[in-house]
Amino acid sequence: IDAGEKLPGAAVRSGDTAVYAVDRAL
């Protein structure tokens, strides 16, 4: 897909996602 081929039923979705991380040491 990144090389430009069209494959029905698949797509690349990009963007931001909301995240959180609790400090591993804690």
PDB file of all heavy atoms in Angstrom:
ATOM      1  N   ILE A   1       0.846  -1.195   0.000  1.00  0.00           N
ATOM      2  CA  ILE A   1       0.000   0.000   0.000  1.00  0.00           C
ATOM      3  C   ILE A   1       0.881   1.244   0.000  1.00  0.00           C
ATOM      4  O   ILE A   1       0.619   2.198  -0.740  1.00  0.00           O
ATOM      5  CB  ILE A   1      -0.989  -0.014   1.182  1.00  0.00           C
ATOM      6  CG1 ILE A   1      -2.046  -1.104   0.957  1.00  0.00           C
ATOM      7  CG2 ILE A   1      -1.653   1.344   1.354  1.00  0.00           C
ATOM      8  CD1 ILE A   1      -2.978  -1.323   2.124  1.00  0.00           C
ATOM      9  N   ASP A   2       1.928   1.231   0.821  1.00  0.00           N
ATOM     10  CA  ASP A   2       2.854   2.374   0.853  1.00  0.00           C
ATOM     11  C   ASP A   2       3.535   2.583  -0.495  1.00  0.00           C
ATOM     12  O   ASP A   2       3.900   3.703  -0.853  1.00  0.00           O
ATOM     13  CB  ASP A   2       3.912   2.187   1.946  1.00  0.00           C
ATOM     14  CG  ASP A   2       3.337   2.357   3.345  1.00  0.00           C
ATOM     15  OD1 ASP A   2       2.204   2.872   3.485  1.00  0.00           O
ATOM     16  OD2 ASP A   2       4.036   1.963   4.311  1.00  0.00           O
ATOM     17  N   ALA A   3       3.688   1.491  -1.269  1.00  0.00           N
ATOM     18  CA  ALA A   3       4.312   1.589  -2.588  1.00  0.00           C
ATOM     19  C   ALA A   3       3.317   2.056  -3.655  1.00  0.00           C
ATOM     20  O   ALA A   3       3.679   2.195  -4.810  1.00  0.00           O
ATOM     21  CB  ALA A   3       4.902   0.241  -2.986  1.00  0.00           C
ATOM     22  N   GLY A   4       2.065   2.267  -3.257  1.00  0.00           N
ATOM     23  CA  GLY A   4       1.078   2.805  -4.190  1.00  0.00           C
ATOM     24  C   GLY A   4       0.079   1.804  -4.726  1.00  0.00           C
ATOM     25  O   GLY A   4      -0.802   2.170  -5.503  1.00  0.00           O
ATOM     26  N   GLU A   5       0.187   0.556  -4.358  1.00  0.00           N
ATOM     27  CA  GLU A   5      -0.781  -0.430  -4.841  1.00  0.00           C
ATOM     28  C   GLU A   5      -2.115  -0.232  -4.138  1.00  0.00           C
ATOM     29  O   GLU A   5      -2.180   0.116  -2.965  1.00  0.00           O
ATOM     30  CB  GLU A   5      -0.264  -1.853  -4.586  1.00  0.00           C
ATOM     31  CG  GLU A   5       0.907  -2.229  -5.463  1.00  0.00           C
ATOM     32  CD  GLU A   5       1.253  -3.704  -5.350  1.00  0.00           C
ATOM     33  OE1 GLU A   5       0.332  -4.546  -5.363  1.00  0.00           O
ATOM     34  OE2 GLU A   5       2.455  -4.002  -5.245  1.00  0.00           O
ATOM     35  N   LYS A   6      -3.197  -0.479  -4.856  1.00  0.00           N
ATOM     36  CA  LYS A   6      -4.552  -0.399  -4.296  1.00  0.00           C
ATOM     37  C   LYS A   6      -4.996  -1.819  -3.955  1.00  0.00           C
ATOM     38  O   LYS A   6      -5.099  -2.672  -4.833  1.00  0.00           O
ATOM     39  CB  LYS A   6      -5.521   0.224  -5.302  1.00  0.00           C
ATOM     40  CG  LYS A   6      -5.128   1.599  -5.776  1.00  0.00           C
ATOM     41  CD  LYS A   6      -5.329   2.611  -4.681  1.00  0.00           C
ATOM     42  CE  LYS A   6      -5.014   3.999  -5.220  1.00  0.00           C
ATOM     43  NZ  LYS A   6      -4.404   4.852  -4.253  1.00  0.00           N
ATOM     44  N   LEU A   7      -5.241  -2.055  -2.708  1.00  0.00           N
ATOM     45  CA  LEU A   7      -5.710  -3.367  -2.263  1.00  0.00           C
ATOM     46  C   LEU A   7      -7.079  -3.186  -1.620  1.00  0.00           C
ATOM     47  O   LEU A   7      -7.186  -2.594  -0.541  1.00  0.00           O
ATOM     48  CB  LEU A   7      -4.726  -3.994  -1.269  1.00  0.00           C
ATOM     49  CG  LEU A   7      -3.345  -4.342  -1.820  1.00  0.00           C
ATOM     50  CD1 LEU A   7      -2.423  -4.816  -0.705  1.00  0.00           C
ATOM     51  CD2 LEU A   7      -3.461  -5.413  -2.888  1.00  0.00           C
ATOM     52  N   PRO A   8      -8.144  -3.665  -2.275  1.00  0.00           N
ATOM     53  CA  PRO A   8      -9.480  -3.502  -1.697  1.00  0.00           C
ATOM     54  C   PRO A   8      -9.573  -4.206  -0.344  1.00  0.00           C
ATOM     55  O   PRO A   8      -9.038  -5.297  -0.169  1.00  0.00           O
ATOM     56  CB  PRO A   8     -10.409  -4.150  -2.726  1.00  0.00           C
ATOM     57  CG  PRO A   8      -9.549  -4.811  -3.738  1.00  0.00           C
ATOM     58  CD  PRO A   8      -8.147  -4.399  -3.511  1.00  0.00           C
ATOM     59  N   GLY A   9     -10.223  -3.550   0.570  1.00  0.00           N
ATOM     60  CA  GLY A   9     -10.401  -4.139   1.896  1.00  0.00           C
ATOM     61  C   GLY A   9      -9.310  -3.763   2.869  1.00  0.00           C
ATOM     62  O   GLY A   9      -9.331  -4.190   4.027  1.00  0.00           O
ATOM     63  N   ALA A  10      -8.339  -2.971   2.439  1.00  0.00           N
ATOM     64  CA  ALA A  10      -7.257  -2.566   3.335  1.00  0.00           C
ATOM     65  C   ALA A  10      -6.926  -1.104   3.082  1.00  0.00           C
ATOM     66  O   ALA A  10      -6.994  -0.623   1.955  1.00  0.00           O
ATOM     67  CB  ALA A  10      -6.022  -3.426   3.107  1.00  0.00           C
ATOM     68  N   ALA A  11      -6.590  -0.423   4.123  1.00  0.00           N
ATOM     69  CA  ALA A  11      -6.183   0.979   4.019  1.00  0.00           C
ATOM     70  C   ALA A  11      -5.256   1.283   5.176  1.00  0.00           C
ATOM     71  O   ALA A  11      -5.311   0.633   6.223  1.00  0.00           O
ATOM     72  CB  ALA A  11      -7.402   1.893   4.064  1.00  0.00           C
ATOM     73  N   VAL A  12      -4.414   2.259   4.973  1.00  0.00           N
ATOM     74  CA  VAL A  12      -3.530   2.710   6.047  1.00  0.00           C
ATOM     75  C   VAL A  12      -4.170   3.955   6.646  1.00  0.00           C
ATOM     76  O   VAL A  12      -4.521   4.892   5.938  1.00  0.00           O
ATOM     77  CB  VAL A  12      -2.117   3.024   5.507  1.00  0.00           C
ATOM     78  CG1 VAL A  12      -1.254   3.615   6.604  1.00  0.00           C
ATOM     79  CG2 VAL A  12      -1.483   1.766   4.943  1.00  0.00           C
ATOM     80  N   ARG A  13      -4.352   3.935   7.951  1.00  0.00           N
ATOM     81  CA  ARG A  13      -4.915   5.078   8.651  1.00  0.00           C
ATOM     82  C   ARG A  13      -3.817   5.677   9.513  1.00  0.00           C
ATOM     83  O   ARG A  13      -3.181   4.978  10.295  1.00  0.00           O
ATOM     84  CB  ARG A  13      -6.091   4.640   9.520  1.00  0.00           C
ATOM     85  CG  ARG A  13      -6.727   5.776  10.290  1.00  0.00           C
ATOM     86  CD  ARG A  13      -7.948   5.351  11.052  1.00  0.00           C
ATOM     87  NE  ARG A  13      -7.654   4.205  11.919  1.00  0.00           N
ATOM     88  CZ  ARG A  13      -8.473   3.740  12.828  1.00  0.00           C
ATOM     89  NH1 ARG A  13      -9.636   4.281  13.007  1.00  0.00           N
ATOM     90  NH2 ARG A  13      -8.135   2.708  13.570  1.00  0.00           N
ATOM     91  N   SER A  14      -3.601   6.954   9.355  1.00  0.00           N
ATOM     92  CA  SER A  14      -2.564   7.636  10.124  1.00  0.00           C
ATOM     93  C   SER A  14      -3.188   8.805  10.865  1.00  0.00           C
ATOM     94  O   SER A  14      -4.217   9.328  10.468  1.00  0.00           O
ATOM     95  CB  SER A  14      -1.462   8.158   9.194  1.00  0.00           C
ATOM     96  OG  SER A  14      -0.849   7.083   8.529  1.00  0.00           O
ATOM     97  N   GLY A  15      -2.543   9.195  11.922  1.00  0.00           N
ATOM     98  CA  GLY A  15      -3.015  10.335  12.692  1.00  0.00           C
ATOM     99  C   GLY A  15      -2.574  10.213  14.126  1.00  0.00           C
ATOM    100  O   GLY A  15      -1.804   9.327  14.495  1.00  0.00           O
ATOM    101  N   ASP A  16      -3.048  11.113  14.912  1.00  0.00           N
ATOM    102  CA  ASP A  16      -2.691  11.135  16.328  1.00  0.00           C
ATOM    103  C   ASP A  16      -3.660  10.294  17.136  1.00  0.00           C
ATOM    104  O   ASP A  16      -4.828  10.157  16.787  1.00  0.00           O
ATOM    105  CB  ASP A  16      -2.731  12.576  16.860  1.00  0.00           C
ATOM    106  CG  ASP A  16      -1.684  13.458  16.199  1.00  0.00           C
ATOM    107  OD1 ASP A  16      -0.631  12.918  15.820  1.00  0.00           O
ATOM    108  OD2 ASP A  16      -1.932  14.663  16.070  1.00  0.00           O
ATOM    109  N   THR A  17      -3.152   9.729  18.209  1.00  0.00           N
ATOM    110  CA  THR A  17      -4.002   9.044  19.168  1.00  0.00           C
ATOM    111  C   THR A  17      -3.709   9.617  20.539  1.00  0.00           C
ATOM    112  O   THR A  17      -2.594  10.076  20.816  1.00  0.00           O
ATOM    113  CB  THR A  17      -3.724   7.524  19.193  1.00  0.00           C
ATOM    114  OG1 THR A  17      -2.359   7.299  19.521  1.00  0.00           O
ATOM    115  CG2 THR A  17      -4.042   6.874  17.850  1.00  0.00           C
ATOM    116  N   ALA A  18      -4.721   9.624  21.379  1.00  0.00           N
ATOM    117  CA  ALA A  18      -4.541  10.103  22.748  1.00  0.00           C
ATOM    118  C   ALA A  18      -3.909   8.980  23.563  1.00  0.00           C
ATOM    119  O   ALA A  18      -4.289   7.819  23.436  1.00  0.00           O
ATOM    120  CB  ALA A  18      -5.882  10.503  23.356  1.00  0.00           C
ATOM    121  N   VAL A  19      -2.927   9.312  24.364  1.00  0.00           N
ATOM    122  CA  VAL A  19      -2.208   8.312  25.141  1.00  0.00           C
ATOM    123  C   VAL A  19      -2.010   8.788  26.572  1.00  0.00           C
ATOM    124  O   VAL A  19      -2.129   9.982  26.861  1.00  0.00           O
ATOM    125  CB  VAL A  19      -0.822   7.992  24.527  1.00  0.00           C
ATOM    126  CG1 VAL A  19      -0.976   7.435  23.126  1.00  0.00           C
ATOM    127  CG2 VAL A  19       0.068   9.212  24.512  1.00  0.00           C
ATOM    128  N   TYR A  20      -1.724   7.853  27.435  1.00  0.00           N
ATOM    129  CA  TYR A  20      -1.257   8.175  28.780  1.00  0.00           C
ATOM    130  C   TYR A  20      -0.334   7.067  29.212  1.00  0.00           C
ATOM    131  O   TYR A  20      -0.413   5.945  28.725  1.00  0.00           O
ATOM    132  CB  TYR A  20      -2.414   8.374  29.774  1.00  0.00           C
ATOM    133  CG  TYR A  20      -3.066   7.104  30.265  1.00  0.00           C
ATOM    134  CD1 TYR A  20      -2.569   6.439  31.382  1.00  0.00           C
ATOM    135  CD2 TYR A  20      -4.170   6.575  29.624  1.00  0.00           C
ATOM    136  CE1 TYR A  20      -3.168   5.277  31.835  1.00  0.00           C
ATOM    137  CE2 TYR A  20      -4.776   5.427  30.069  1.00  0.00           C
ATOM    138  CZ  TYR A  20      -4.270   4.782  31.179  1.00  0.00           C
ATOM    139  OH  TYR A  20      -4.861   3.634  31.626  1.00  0.00           O
ATOM    140  N   ALA A  21       0.570   7.383  30.099  1.00  0.00           N
ATOM    141  CA  ALA A  21       1.503   6.384  30.619  1.00  0.00           C
ATOM    142  C   ALA A  21       1.795   6.712  32.071  1.00  0.00           C
ATOM    143  O   ALA A  21       2.171   7.831  32.397  1.00  0.00           O
ATOM    144  CB  ALA A  21       2.795   6.377  29.813  1.00  0.00           C
ATOM    145  N   VAL A  22       1.594   5.718  32.908  1.00  0.00           N
ATOM    146  CA  VAL A  22       1.940   5.859  34.316  1.00  0.00           C
ATOM    147  C   VAL A  22       3.404   5.464  34.433  1.00  0.00           C
ATOM    148  O   VAL A  22       3.844   4.464  33.849  1.00  0.00           O
ATOM    149  CB  VAL A  22       1.049   4.965  35.201  1.00  0.00           C
ATOM    150  CG1 VAL A  22       1.443   5.079  36.654  1.00  0.00           C
ATOM    151  CG2 VAL A  22      -0.421   5.329  35.002  1.00  0.00           C
ATOM    152  N   ASP A  23       4.162   6.233  35.165  1.00  0.00           N
ATOM    153  CA  ASP A  23       5.600   6.018  35.312  1.00  0.00           C
ATOM    154  C   ASP A  23       5.870   4.576  35.744  1.00  0.00           C
ATOM    155  O   ASP A  23       5.339   4.098  36.748  1.00  0.00           O
ATOM    156  CB  ASP A  23       6.155   7.008  36.337  1.00  0.00           C
ATOM    157  CG  ASP A  23       7.668   6.975  36.409  1.00  0.00           C
ATOM    158  OD1 ASP A  23       8.227   5.912  36.737  1.00  0.00           O
ATOM    159  OD2 ASP A  23       8.278   8.028  36.149  1.00  0.00           O
ATOM    160  N   ARG A  24       6.675   3.865  34.970  1.00  0.00           N
ATOM    161  CA  ARG A  24       6.977   2.455  35.225  1.00  0.00           C
ATOM    162  C   ARG A  24       7.618   2.259  36.603  1.00  0.00           C
ATOM    163  O   ARG A  24       7.354   1.265  37.282  1.00  0.00           O
ATOM    164  CB  ARG A  24       7.910   1.927  34.125  1.00  0.00           C
ATOM    165  CG  ARG A  24       8.142   0.451  34.185  1.00  0.00           C
ATOM    166  CD  ARG A  24       6.958  -0.290  33.615  1.00  0.00           C
ATOM    167  NE  ARG A  24       6.698  -1.462  34.430  1.00  0.00           N
ATOM    168  CZ  ARG A  24       5.579  -2.152  34.427  1.00  0.00           C
ATOM    169  NH1 ARG A  24       4.594  -1.803  33.662  1.00  0.00           N
ATOM    170  NH2 ARG A  24       5.431  -3.214  35.181  1.00  0.00           N
ATOM    171  N   ALA A  25       8.458   3.185  37.012  1.00  0.00           N
ATOM    172  CA  ALA A  25       9.101   3.073  38.325  1.00  0.00           C
ATOM    173  C   ALA A  25       8.053   3.125  39.431  1.00  0.00           C
ATOM    174  O   ALA A  25       8.154   2.414  40.434  1.00  0.00           O
ATOM    175  CB  ALA A  25      10.132   4.187  38.508  1.00  0.00           C
ATOM    176  N   LEU A  26       7.021   3.944  39.252  1.00  0.00           N
ATOM    177  CA  LEU A  26       5.944   4.014  40.253  1.00  0.00           C
ATOM    178  C   LEU A  26       5.129   2.722  40.263  1.00  0.00           C
ATOM    179  O   LEU A  26       4.713   2.250  41.327  1.00  0.00           O
ATOM    180  CB  LEU A  26       5.039   5.222  39.979  1.00  0.00           C
ATOM    181  CG  LEU A  26       5.667   6.588  40.205  1.00  0.00           C
ATOM    182  CD1 LEU A  26       4.716   7.690  39.770  1.00  0.00           C
ATOM    183  CD2 LEU A  26       6.069   6.766  41.670  1.00  0.00           C
TER     184      LEU A  26
END
